[in-house]
PDB file of N, CA and C in Angstrom:
ATOM      1  N   MET A   1     -52.854 -54.022  35.601  1.00  0.00           N
ATOM      2  CA  MET A   1     -53.999 -54.130  36.471  1.00  0.00           C
ATOM      3  C   MET A   1     -55.072 -53.134  36.052  1.00  0.00           C
ATOM      4  N   VAL A   2     -56.251 -53.366  36.534  1.00  0.00           N
ATOM      5  CA  VAL A   2     -57.373 -52.525  36.179  1.00  0.00           C
ATOM      6  C   VAL A   2     -57.253 -51.186  36.903  1.00  0.00           C
ATOM      7  N   GLY A   3     -57.451 -50.104  36.156  1.00  0.00           N
ATOM      8  CA  GLY A   3     -57.423 -48.776  36.753  1.00  0.00           C
ATOM      9  C   GLY A   3     -56.024 -48.232  36.973  1.00  0.00           C
ATOM     10  N   GLU A   4     -55.013 -48.983  36.654  1.00  0.00           N
ATOM     11  CA  GLU A   4     -53.653 -48.499  36.863  1.00  0.00           C
ATOM     12  C   GLU A   4     -53.176 -47.794  35.604  1.00  0.00           C
ATOM     13  N   ARG A   5     -52.554 -46.650  35.777  1.00  0.00           N
ATOM     14  CA  ARG A   5     -52.069 -45.880  34.637  1.00  0.00           C
ATOM     15  C   ARG A   5     -50.640 -46.287  34.316  1.00  0.00           C
ATOM     16  N   ARG A   6     -50.362 -46.371  33.060  1.00  0.00           N
ATOM     17  CA  ARG A   6     -48.993 -46.683  32.643  1.00  0.00           C
ATOM     18  C   ARG A   6     -48.160 -45.416  32.684  1.00  0.00           C
ATOM     19  N   ARG A   7     -46.956 -45.568  33.125  1.00  0.00           N
ATOM     20  CA  ARG A   7     -46.050 -44.436  33.138  1.00  0.00           C
ATOM     21  C   ARG A   7     -45.315 -44.396  31.812  1.00  0.00           C
ATOM     22  N   THR A   8     -45.320 -43.228  31.223  1.00  0.00           N
ATOM     23  CA  THR A   8     -44.584 -43.070  29.971  1.00  0.00           C
ATOM     24  C   THR A   8     -43.463 -42.084  30.203  1.00  0.00           C
ATOM     25  N   SER A   9     -42.412 -42.257  29.498  1.00  0.00           N
ATOM     26  CA  SER A   9     -41.297 -41.333  29.644  1.00  0.00           C
ATOM     27  C   SER A   9     -41.568 -40.097  28.790  1.00  0.00           C
ATOM     28  N   LEU A  10     -41.165 -38.963  29.305  1.00  0.00           N
ATOM     29  CA  LEU A  10     -41.341 -37.706  28.587  1.00  0.00           C
ATOM     30  C   LEU A  10     -40.264 -37.588  27.525  1.00  0.00           C
ATOM     31  N   PRO A  11     -40.597 -36.989  26.374  1.00  0.00           N
ATOM     32  CA  PRO A  11     -39.569 -36.817  25.352  1.00  0.00           C
ATOM     33  C   PRO A  11     -38.475 -35.887  25.862  1.00  0.00           C
ATOM     34  N   SER A  12     -37.298 -36.094  25.403  1.00  0.00           N
ATOM     35  CA  SER A  12     -36.200 -35.248  25.864  1.00  0.00           C
ATOM     36  C   SER A  12     -36.363 -33.850  25.283  1.00  0.00           C
ATOM     37  N   VAL A  13     -36.051 -32.868  26.088  1.00  0.00           N
ATOM     38  CA  VAL A  13     -36.180 -31.470  25.688  1.00  0.00           C
ATOM     39  C   VAL A  13     -34.802 -30.961  25.322  1.00  0.00           C
ATOM     40  N   GLN A  14     -34.703 -30.336  24.156  1.00  0.00           N
ATOM     41  CA  GLN A  14     -33.424 -29.780  23.732  1.00  0.00           C
ATOM     42  C   GLN A  14     -33.149 -28.501  24.507  1.00  0.00           C
ATOM     43  N   ALA A  15     -31.928 -28.133  24.565  1.00  0.00           N
ATOM     44  CA  ALA A  15     -31.564 -26.894  25.236  1.00  0.00           C
ATOM     45  C   ALA A  15     -32.176 -25.723  24.489  1.00  0.00           C
ATOM     46  N   ALA A  16     -32.547 -24.688  25.226  1.00  0.00           N
ATOM     47  CA  ALA A  16     -33.205 -23.533  24.617  1.00  0.00           C
ATOM     48  C   ALA A  16     -32.309 -22.865  23.589  1.00  0.00           C
ATOM     49  N   SER A  17     -31.007 -22.912  23.766  1.00  0.00           N
ATOM     50  CA  SER A  17     -30.109 -22.251  22.819  1.00  0.00           C
ATOM     51  C   SER A  17     -30.070 -22.969  21.477  1.00  0.00           C
ATOM     52  N   ASP A  18     -30.466 -24.233  21.419  1.00  0.00           N
ATOM     53  CA  ASP A  18     -30.469 -24.966  20.157  1.00  0.00           C
ATOM     54  C   ASP A  18     -31.592 -24.501  19.224  1.00  0.00           C
ATOM     55  N   ASN A  19     -32.701 -24.003  19.779  1.00  0.00           N
ATOM     56  CA  ASN A  19     -33.875 -23.640  18.977  1.00  0.00           C
ATOM     57  C   ASN A  19     -33.917 -22.172  18.581  1.00  0.00           C
ATOM     58  N   VAL A  20     -33.006 -21.358  19.055  1.00  0.00           N
ATOM     59  CA  VAL A  20     -33.072 -19.922  18.817  1.00  0.00           C
ATOM     60  C   VAL A  20     -32.370 -19.586  17.511  1.00  0.00           C
ATOM     61  N   ALA A  21     -33.087 -18.855  16.657  1.00  0.00           N
ATOM     62  CA  ALA A  21     -32.517 -18.428  15.376  1.00  0.00           C
ATOM     63  C   ALA A  21     -31.786 -17.111  15.589  1.00  0.00           C
ATOM     64  N   PRO A  22     -30.780 -16.821  14.795  1.00  0.00           N
ATOM     65  CA  PRO A  22     -30.084 -15.538  14.940  1.00  0.00           C
ATOM     66  C   PRO A  22     -31.019 -14.402  14.551  1.00  0.00           C
ATOM     67  N   PRO A  23     -30.868 -13.236  15.146  1.00  0.00           N
ATOM     68  CA  PRO A  23     -31.758 -12.112  14.810  1.00  0.00           C
ATOM     69  C   PRO A  23     -31.518 -11.666  13.372  1.00  0.00           C
ATOM     70  N   PRO A  24     -32.586 -11.171  12.704  1.00  0.00           N
ATOM     71  CA  PRO A  24     -32.432 -10.726  11.319  1.00  0.00           C
ATOM     72  C   PRO A  24     -31.607  -9.441  11.256  1.00  0.00           C
ATOM     73  N   SER A  25     -30.929  -9.261  10.156  1.00  0.00           N
ATOM     74  CA  SER A  25     -30.139  -8.046   9.976  1.00  0.00           C
ATOM     75  C   SER A  25     -31.077  -6.886   9.642  1.00  0.00           C
ATOM     76  N   PRO A  26     -30.614  -5.641   9.838  1.00  0.00           N
ATOM     77  CA  PRO A  26     -31.476  -4.487   9.514  1.00  0.00           C
ATOM     78  C   PRO A  26     -31.930  -4.458   8.062  1.00  0.00           C
ATOM     79  N   SER A  27     -31.084  -4.914   7.137  1.00  0.00           N
ATOM     80  CA  SER A  27     -31.502  -4.904   5.731  1.00  0.00           C
ATOM     81  C   SER A  27     -32.622  -5.914   5.483  1.00  0.00           C
ATOM     82  N   GLN A  28     -32.585  -7.045   6.188  1.00  0.00           N
ATOM     83  CA  GLN A  28     -33.669  -8.026   6.059  1.00  0.00           C
ATOM     84  C   GLN A  28     -34.965  -7.461   6.617  1.00  0.00           C
ATOM     85  N   LEU A  29     -34.877  -6.726   7.727  1.00  0.00           N
ATOM     86  CA  LEU A  29     -36.079  -6.120   8.306  1.00  0.00           C
ATOM     87  C   LEU A  29     -36.676  -5.085   7.366  1.00  0.00           C
ATOM     88  N   ASP A  30     -35.827  -4.274   6.732  1.00  0.00           N
ATOM     89  CA  ASP A  30     -36.327  -3.260   5.798  1.00  0.00           C
ATOM     90  C   ASP A  30     -37.033  -3.911   4.619  1.00  0.00           C
ATOM     91  N   ARG A  31     -36.432  -4.978   4.062  1.00  0.00           N
ATOM     92  CA  ARG A  31     -37.060  -5.655   2.936  1.00  0.00           C
ATOM     93  C   ARG A  31     -38.388  -6.277   3.331  1.00  0.00           C
ATOM     94  N   THR A  32     -38.449  -6.869   4.516  1.00  0.00           N
ATOM     95  CA  THR A  32     -39.681  -7.500   4.977  1.00  0.00           C
ATOM     96  C   THR A  32     -40.770  -6.463   5.190  1.00  0.00           C
ATOM     97  N   ALA A  33     -40.420  -5.340   5.825  1.00  0.00           N
ATOM     98  CA  ALA A  33     -41.416  -4.293   6.079  1.00  0.00           C
ATOM     99  C   ALA A  33     -41.917  -3.694   4.774  1.00  0.00           C
ATOM    100  N   THR A  34     -41.022  -3.481   3.818  1.00  0.00           N
ATOM    101  CA  THR A  34     -41.430  -2.911   2.538  1.00  0.00           C
ATOM    102  C   THR A  34     -42.342  -3.866   1.782  1.00  0.00           C
ATOM    103  N   ALA A  35     -42.005  -5.143   1.799  1.00  0.00           N
ATOM    104  CA  ALA A  35     -42.838  -6.125   1.104  1.00  0.00           C
ATOM    105  C   ALA A  35     -44.204  -6.232   1.759  1.00  0.00           C
ATOM    106  N   ALA A  36     -44.245  -6.205   3.097  1.00  0.00           N
ATOM    107  CA  ALA A  36     -45.526  -6.300   3.805  1.00  0.00           C
ATOM    108  C   ALA A  36     -46.378  -5.068   3.539  1.00  0.00           C
ATOM    109  N   ALA A  37     -45.764  -3.888   3.506  1.00  0.00           N
ATOM    110  CA  ALA A  37     -46.524  -2.666   3.246  1.00  0.00           C
ATOM    111  C   ALA A  37     -47.074  -2.674   1.826  1.00  0.00           C
ATOM    112  N   GLY A  38     -46.314  -3.216   0.890  1.00  0.00           N
ATOM    113  CA  GLY A  38     -46.786  -3.278  -0.486  1.00  0.00           C
ATOM    114  C   GLY A  38     -47.939  -4.236  -0.658  1.00  0.00           C
ATOM    115  N   ARG A  39     -47.949  -5.324   0.103  1.00  0.00           N
ATOM    116  CA  ARG A  39     -49.012  -6.316  -0.022  1.00  0.00           C
ATOM    117  C   ARG A  39     -50.242  -5.940   0.771  1.00  0.00           C
ATOM    118  N   CYS A  40     -50.061  -5.375   1.964  1.00  0.00           N
ATOM    119  CA  CYS A  40     -51.173  -5.209   2.892  1.00  0.00           C
ATOM    120  C   CYS A  40     -51.540  -3.764   3.153  1.00  0.00           C
ATOM    121  N   GLY A  41     -50.823  -2.814   2.592  1.00  0.00           N
ATOM    122  CA  GLY A  41     -51.083  -1.417   2.896  1.00  0.00           C
ATOM    123  C   GLY A  41     -52.440  -0.966   2.392  1.00  0.00           C
ATOM    124  N   PHE A  42     -53.151  -0.201   3.214  1.00  0.00           N
ATOM    125  CA  PHE A  42     -54.479   0.274   2.854  1.00  0.00           C
ATOM    126  C   PHE A  42     -54.400   1.200   1.645  1.00  0.00           C
ATOM    127  N   GLU A  43     -53.374   2.070   1.639  1.00  0.00           N
ATOM    128  CA  GLU A  43     -53.247   3.010   0.535  1.00  0.00           C
ATOM    129  C   GLU A  43     -53.001   2.282  -0.774  1.00  0.00           C
ATOM    130  N   SER A  44     -52.185   1.243  -0.734  1.00  0.00           N
ATOM    131  CA  SER A  44     -51.889   0.541  -1.974  1.00  0.00           C
ATOM    132  C   SER A  44     -53.121  -0.189  -2.504  1.00  0.00           C
ATOM    133  N   ARG A  45     -53.949  -0.697  -1.599  1.00  0.00           N
ATOM    134  CA  ARG A  45     -55.163  -1.379  -2.047  1.00  0.00           C
ATOM    135  C   ARG A  45     -56.145  -0.384  -2.637  1.00  0.00           C
ATOM    136  N   LEU A  46     -56.302   0.764  -1.986  1.00  0.00           N
ATOM    137  CA  LEU A  46     -57.238   1.751  -2.496  1.00  0.00           C
ATOM    138  C   LEU A  46     -56.759   2.330  -3.818  1.00  0.00           C
ATOM    139  N   GLY A  47     -55.450   2.520  -3.948  1.00  0.00           N
ATOM    140  CA  GLY A  47     -54.911   3.056  -5.187  1.00  0.00           C
ATOM    141  C   GLY A  47     -55.087   2.114  -6.352  1.00  0.00           C
ATOM    142  N   ALA A  48     -55.112   0.820  -6.076  1.00  0.00           N
ATOM    143  CA  ALA A  48     -55.235  -0.166  -7.141  1.00  0.00           C
ATOM    144  C   ALA A  48     -56.678  -0.361  -7.579  1.00  0.00           C
ATOM    145  N   MET A  49     -57.639   0.113  -6.789  1.00  0.00           N
ATOM    146  CA  MET A  49     -59.045  -0.082  -7.133  1.00  0.00           C
ATOM    147  C   MET A  49     -59.466   0.902  -8.216  1.00  0.00           C
ATOM    148  N   LYS A  50     -60.133   0.399  -9.194  1.00  0.00           N
ATOM    149  CA  LYS A  50     -60.625   1.223 -10.279  1.00  0.00           C
ATOM    150  C   LYS A  50     -61.998   1.782  -9.891  1.00  0.00           C
ATOM    151  N   PRO A  51     -62.350   2.950 -10.426  1.00  0.00           N
ATOM    152  CA  PRO A  51     -63.654   3.537 -10.090  1.00  0.00           C
ATOM    153  C   PRO A  51     -64.824   2.610 -10.417  1.00  0.00           C
ATOM    154  N   ARG A  52     -64.714   1.872 -11.498  1.00  0.00           N
ATOM    155  CA  ARG A  52     -65.809   0.958 -11.863  1.00  0.00           C
ATOM    156  C   ARG A  52     -65.974  -0.138 -10.816  1.00  0.00           C
ATOM    157  N   TYR A  53     -64.837  -0.636 -10.304  1.00  0.00           N
ATOM    158  CA  TYR A  53     -64.883  -1.671  -9.265  1.00  0.00           C
ATOM    159  C   TYR A  53     -65.459  -1.106  -7.974  1.00  0.00           C
ATOM    160  N   LEU A  54     -65.090   0.139  -7.616  1.00  0.00           N
ATOM    161  CA  LEU A  54     -65.661   0.771  -6.418  1.00  0.00           C
ATOM    162  C   LEU A  54     -67.168   0.962  -6.573  1.00  0.00           C
ATOM    163  N   TRP A  55     -67.598   1.335  -7.776  1.00  0.00           N
ATOM    164  CA  TRP A  55     -69.034   1.476  -8.018  1.00  0.00           C
ATOM    165  C   TRP A  55     -69.725   0.123  -7.865  1.00  0.00           C
ATOM    166  N   HIS A  56     -69.088  -0.919  -8.367  1.00  0.00           N
ATOM    167  CA  HIS A  56     -69.640  -2.271  -8.247  1.00  0.00           C
ATOM    168  C   HIS A  56     -69.796  -2.651  -6.771  1.00  0.00           C
ATOM    169  N   LEU A  57     -68.774  -2.366  -5.958  1.00  0.00           N
ATOM    170  CA  LEU A  57     -68.864  -2.666  -4.521  1.00  0.00           C
ATOM    171  C   LEU A  57     -69.963  -1.848  -3.850  1.00  0.00           C
ATOM    172  N   TRP A  58     -70.055  -0.566  -4.193  1.00  0.00           N
ATOM    173  CA  TRP A  58     -71.077   0.295  -3.605  1.00  0.00           C
ATOM    174  C   TRP A  58     -72.483  -0.212  -3.963  1.00  0.00           C
ATOM    175  N   ALA A  59     -72.675  -0.581  -5.216  1.00  0.00           N
ATOM    176  CA  ALA A  59     -73.980  -1.081  -5.652  1.00  0.00           C
ATOM    177  C   ALA A  59     -74.324  -2.389  -4.940  1.00  0.00           C
ATOM    178  N   LYS A  60     -73.335  -3.259  -4.746  1.00  0.00           N
ATOM    179  CA  LYS A  60     -73.567  -4.509  -4.011  1.00  0.00           C
ATOM    180  C   LYS A  60     -73.919  -4.221  -2.558  1.00  0.00           C
ATOM    181  N   ALA A  61     -73.266  -3.214  -1.980  1.00  0.00           N
ATOM    182  CA  ALA A  61     -73.532  -2.867  -0.581  1.00  0.00           C
ATOM    183  C   ALA A  61     -74.937  -2.308  -0.400  1.00  0.00           C
ATOM    184  N   LEU A  62     -75.470  -1.667  -1.432  1.00  0.00           N
ATOM    185  CA  LEU A  62     -76.819  -1.115  -1.339  1.00  0.00           C
ATOM    186  C   LEU A  62     -77.888  -2.196  -1.376  1.00  0.00           C
ATOM    187  N   GLY A  63     -77.576  -3.332  -1.927  1.00  0.00           N
ATOM    188  CA  GLY A  63     -78.558  -4.402  -1.966  1.00  0.00           C
ATOM    189  C   GLY A  63     -78.422  -5.255  -3.208  1.00  0.00           C
ATOM    190  N   GLU A  64     -79.380  -6.101  -3.353  1.00  0.00           N
ATOM    191  CA  GLU A  64     -79.400  -7.067  -4.450  1.00  0.00           C
ATOM    192  C   GLU A  64     -79.499  -6.365  -5.805  1.00  0.00           C
ATOM    193  N   LYS A  65     -78.844  -6.931  -6.807  1.00  0.00           N
ATOM    194  CA  LYS A  65     -78.902  -6.363  -8.150  1.00  0.00           C
ATOM    195  C   LYS A  65     -80.325  -6.485  -8.676  1.00  0.00           C
ATOM    196  N   THR A  66     -80.867  -5.352  -9.104  1.00  0.00           N
ATOM    197  CA  THR A  66     -82.229  -5.324  -9.597  1.00  0.00           C
ATOM    198  C   THR A  66     -82.231  -4.723 -10.989  1.00  0.00           C
ATOM    199  N   GLY A  67     -82.859  -5.378 -11.912  1.00  0.00           N
ATOM    200  CA  GLY A  67     -82.939  -4.867 -13.272  1.00  0.00           C
ATOM    201  C   GLY A  67     -82.640  -5.961 -14.272  1.00  0.00           C
ATOM    202  N   ARG A  68     -83.150  -5.761 -15.486  1.00  0.00           N
ATOM    203  CA  ARG A  68     -82.943  -6.753 -16.536  1.00  0.00           C
ATOM    204  C   ARG A  68     -81.577  -6.609 -17.194  1.00  0.00           C
ATOM    205  N   THR A  69     -81.047  -5.390 -17.207  1.00  0.00           N
ATOM    206  CA  THR A  69     -79.748  -5.149 -17.840  1.00  0.00           C
ATOM    207  C   THR A  69     -78.812  -4.491 -16.827  1.00  0.00           C
ATOM    208  N   ALA A  70     -77.540  -4.392 -17.192  1.00  0.00           N
ATOM    209  CA  ALA A  70     -76.561  -3.771 -16.303  1.00  0.00           C
ATOM    210  C   ALA A  70     -76.843  -2.278 -16.137  1.00  0.00           C
ATOM    211  N   SER A  71     -77.261  -1.615 -17.210  1.00  0.00           N
ATOM    212  CA  SER A  71     -77.532  -0.169 -17.101  1.00  0.00           C
ATOM    213  C   SER A  71     -78.763   0.089 -16.232  1.00  0.00           C
ATOM    214  N   GLU A  72     -79.753  -0.775 -16.314  1.00  0.00           N
ATOM    215  CA  GLU A  72     -80.935  -0.627 -15.463  1.00  0.00           C
ATOM    216  C   GLU A  72     -80.567  -0.865 -13.997  1.00  0.00           C
ATOM    217  N   ALA A  73     -79.692  -1.829 -13.739  1.00  0.00           N
ATOM    218  CA  ALA A  73     -79.237  -2.083 -12.373  1.00  0.00           C
ATOM    219  C   ALA A  73     -78.447  -0.891 -11.842  1.00  0.00           C
ATOM    220  N   ASP A  74     -77.661  -0.232 -12.718  1.00  0.00           N
ATOM    221  CA  ASP A  74     -76.937   0.967 -12.306  1.00  0.00           C
ATOM    222  C   ASP A  74     -77.888   2.105 -11.967  1.00  0.00           C
ATOM    223  N   GLN A  75     -78.959   2.250 -12.734  1.00  0.00           N
ATOM    224  CA  GLN A  75     -79.944   3.294 -12.449  1.00  0.00           C
ATOM    225  C   GLN A  75     -80.625   3.051 -11.107  1.00  0.00           C
ATOM    226  N   VAL A  76     -80.936   1.795 -10.815  1.00  0.00           N
ATOM    227  CA  VAL A  76     -81.538   1.456  -9.519  1.00  0.00           C
ATOM    228  C   VAL A  76     -80.550   1.772  -8.394  1.00  0.00           C
ATOM    229  N   ALA A  77     -79.269   1.484  -8.616  1.00  0.00           N
ATOM    230  CA  ALA A  77     -78.253   1.766  -7.601  1.00  0.00           C
ATOM    231  C   ALA A  77     -78.113   3.274  -7.372  1.00  0.00           C
ATOM    232  N   VAL A  78     -78.248   4.074  -8.427  1.00  0.00           N
ATOM    233  CA  VAL A  78     -78.189   5.532  -8.278  1.00  0.00           C
ATOM    234  C   VAL A  78     -79.359   6.018  -7.427  1.00  0.00           C
ATOM    235  N   ILE A  79     -80.549   5.502  -7.687  1.00  0.00           N
ATOM    236  CA  ILE A  79     -81.724   5.895  -6.898  1.00  0.00           C
ATOM    237  C   ILE A  79     -81.546   5.479  -5.436  1.00  0.00           C
ATOM    238  N   ARG A  80     -81.028   4.277  -5.195  1.00  0.00           N
ATOM    239  CA  ARG A  80     -80.788   3.833  -3.823  1.00  0.00           C
ATOM    240  C   ARG A  80     -79.724   4.697  -3.155  1.00  0.00           C
ATOM    241  N   SER A  81     -78.730   5.138  -3.922  1.00  0.00           N
ATOM    242  CA  SER A  81     -77.696   6.012  -3.363  1.00  0.00           C
ATOM    243  C   SER A  81     -78.279   7.351  -2.952  1.00  0.00           C
ATOM    244  N   ILE A  82     -79.152   7.911  -3.778  1.00  0.00           N
ATOM    245  CA  ILE A  82     -79.803   9.184  -3.444  1.00  0.00           C
ATOM    246  C   ILE A  82     -80.618   9.031  -2.165  1.00  0.00           C
ATOM    247  N   ILE A  83     -81.364   7.953  -2.054  1.00  0.00           N
ATOM    248  CA  ILE A  83     -82.158   7.713  -0.848  1.00  0.00           C
ATOM    249  C   ILE A  83     -81.240   7.591   0.368  1.00  0.00           C
ATOM    250  N   PHE A  84     -80.136   6.861   0.233  1.00  0.00           N
ATOM    251  CA  PHE A  84     -79.200   6.701   1.347  1.00  0.00           C
ATOM    252  C   PHE A  84     -78.636   8.049   1.780  1.00  0.00           C
ATOM    253  N   PHE A  85     -78.193   8.867   0.814  1.00  0.00           N
ATOM    254  CA  PHE A  85     -77.588  10.150   1.181  1.00  0.00           C
ATOM    255  C   PHE A  85     -78.593  11.115   1.784  1.00  0.00           C
ATOM    256  N   THR A  86     -79.870  11.052   1.384  1.00  0.00           N
ATOM    257  CA  THR A  86     -80.868  11.895   2.050  1.00  0.00           C
ATOM    258  C   THR A  86     -81.097  11.438   3.482  1.00  0.00           C
ATOM    259  N   TYR A  87     -81.127  10.120   3.720  1.00  0.00           N
ATOM    260  CA  TYR A  87     -81.230   9.609   5.093  1.00  0.00           C
ATOM    261  C   TYR A  87     -80.025  10.047   5.912  1.00  0.00           C
ATOM    262  N   PHE A  88     -78.834   9.958   5.309  1.00  0.00           N
ATOM    263  CA  PHE A  88     -77.604  10.317   6.010  1.00  0.00           C
ATOM    264  C   PHE A  88     -77.592  11.804   6.355  1.00  0.00           C
ATOM    265  N   LEU A  89     -77.972  12.662   5.403  1.00  0.00           N
ATOM    266  CA  LEU A  89     -78.002  14.094   5.643  1.00  0.00           C
ATOM    267  C   LEU A  89     -79.033  14.450   6.718  1.00  0.00           C
ATOM    268  N   THR A  90     -80.203  13.818   6.659  1.00  0.00           N
ATOM    269  CA  THR A  90     -81.224  14.044   7.676  1.00  0.00           C
ATOM    270  C   THR A  90     -80.713  13.648   9.053  1.00  0.00           C
ATOM    271  N   ASN A  91     -80.036  12.526   9.140  1.00  0.00           N
ATOM    272  CA  ASN A  91     -79.483  12.064  10.407  1.00  0.00           C
ATOM    273  C   ASN A  91     -78.434  13.048  10.927  1.00  0.00           C
ATOM    274  N   CYS A  92     -77.611  13.598  10.045  1.00  0.00           N
ATOM    275  CA  CYS A  92     -76.603  14.582  10.469  1.00  0.00           C
ATOM    276  C   CYS A  92     -77.267  15.819  11.066  1.00  0.00           C
ATOM    277  N   PHE A  93     -78.353  16.289  10.460  1.00  0.00           N
ATOM    278  CA  PHE A  93     -79.062  17.447  11.003  1.00  0.00           C
ATOM    279  C   PHE A  93     -79.693  17.128  12.356  1.00  0.00           C
ATOM    280  N   ILE A  94     -80.244  15.954  12.513  1.00  0.00           N
ATOM    281  CA  ILE A  94     -80.839  15.563  13.798  1.00  0.00           C
ATOM    282  C   ILE A  94     -79.774  15.521  14.885  1.00  0.00           C
ATOM    283  N   VAL A  95     -78.637  14.908  14.588  1.00  0.00           N
ATOM    284  CA  VAL A  95     -77.554  14.821  15.572  1.00  0.00           C
ATOM    285  C   VAL A  95     -77.013  16.211  15.887  1.00  0.00           C
ATOM    286  N   ALA A  96     -76.866  17.069  14.888  1.00  0.00           N
ATOM    287  CA  ALA A  96     -76.381  18.428  15.124  1.00  0.00           C
ATOM    288  C   ALA A  96     -77.344  19.199  16.024  1.00  0.00           C
ATOM    289  N   GLY A  97     -78.655  19.023  15.812  1.00  0.00           N
ATOM    290  CA  GLY A  97     -79.637  19.701  16.667  1.00  0.00           C
ATOM    291  C   GLY A  97     -79.578  19.190  18.094  1.00  0.00           C
ATOM    292  N   VAL A  98     -79.380  17.908  18.280  1.00  0.00           N
ATOM    293  CA  VAL A  98     -79.270  17.339  19.631  1.00  0.00           C
ATOM    294  C   VAL A  98     -78.027  17.874  20.320  1.00  0.00           C
ATOM    295  N   ILE A  99     -76.913  17.930  19.593  1.00  0.00           N
ATOM    296  CA  ILE A  99     -75.678  18.439  20.202  1.00  0.00           C
ATOM    297  C   ILE A  99     -75.811  19.920  20.529  1.00  0.00           C
ATOM    298  N   ARG A 100     -76.451  20.677  19.645  1.00  0.00           N
ATOM    299  CA  ARG A 100     -76.610  22.121  19.872  1.00  0.00           C
ATOM    300  C   ARG A 100     -77.445  22.416  21.108  1.00  0.00           C
ATOM    301  N   HIS A 101     -78.480  21.636  21.348  1.00  0.00           N
ATOM    302  CA  HIS A 101     -79.374  21.876  22.478  1.00  0.00           C
ATOM    303  C   HIS A 101     -79.131  20.900  23.609  1.00  0.00           C
ATOM    304  N   TRP A 102     -77.916  20.421  23.763  1.00  0.00           N
ATOM    305  CA  TRP A 102     -77.598  19.386  24.754  1.00  0.00           C
ATOM    306  C   TRP A 102     -77.878  19.828  26.189  1.00  0.00           C
ATOM    307  N   ASN A 103     -77.446  21.029  26.584  1.00  0.00           N
ATOM    308  CA  ASN A 103     -77.596  21.492  27.966  1.00  0.00           C
ATOM    309  C   ASN A 103     -78.714  22.497  28.165  1.00  0.00           C
ATOM    310  N   ASN A 104     -79.615  22.653  27.235  1.00  0.00           N
ATOM    311  CA  ASN A 104     -80.703  23.635  27.373  1.00  0.00           C
ATOM    312  C   ASN A 104     -81.877  23.052  28.095  1.00  0.00           C
TER     313      ASN A 104
END
């Protein structure tokens, strides 16, 4: 009939004990933790990075590659780094002055 909903049977549900896996042994947990730390550990990733690759990331973070050659692009990145560190140092002095005179 129009507007009437058909009743469907629900799938049978297995007992909860059928789906539970046995707990892992301590040796399995140690191997899993060691493997995960080796793959995802921050220290291991930083240790694997070469200085040239870190410089490449830093230069990319400063902005678009500018220059006709790789050495010219590196020189531009050095100048941008100097500008960034002067801004950073200036900001540190401003914040230190604000903290020093906070309650005056």
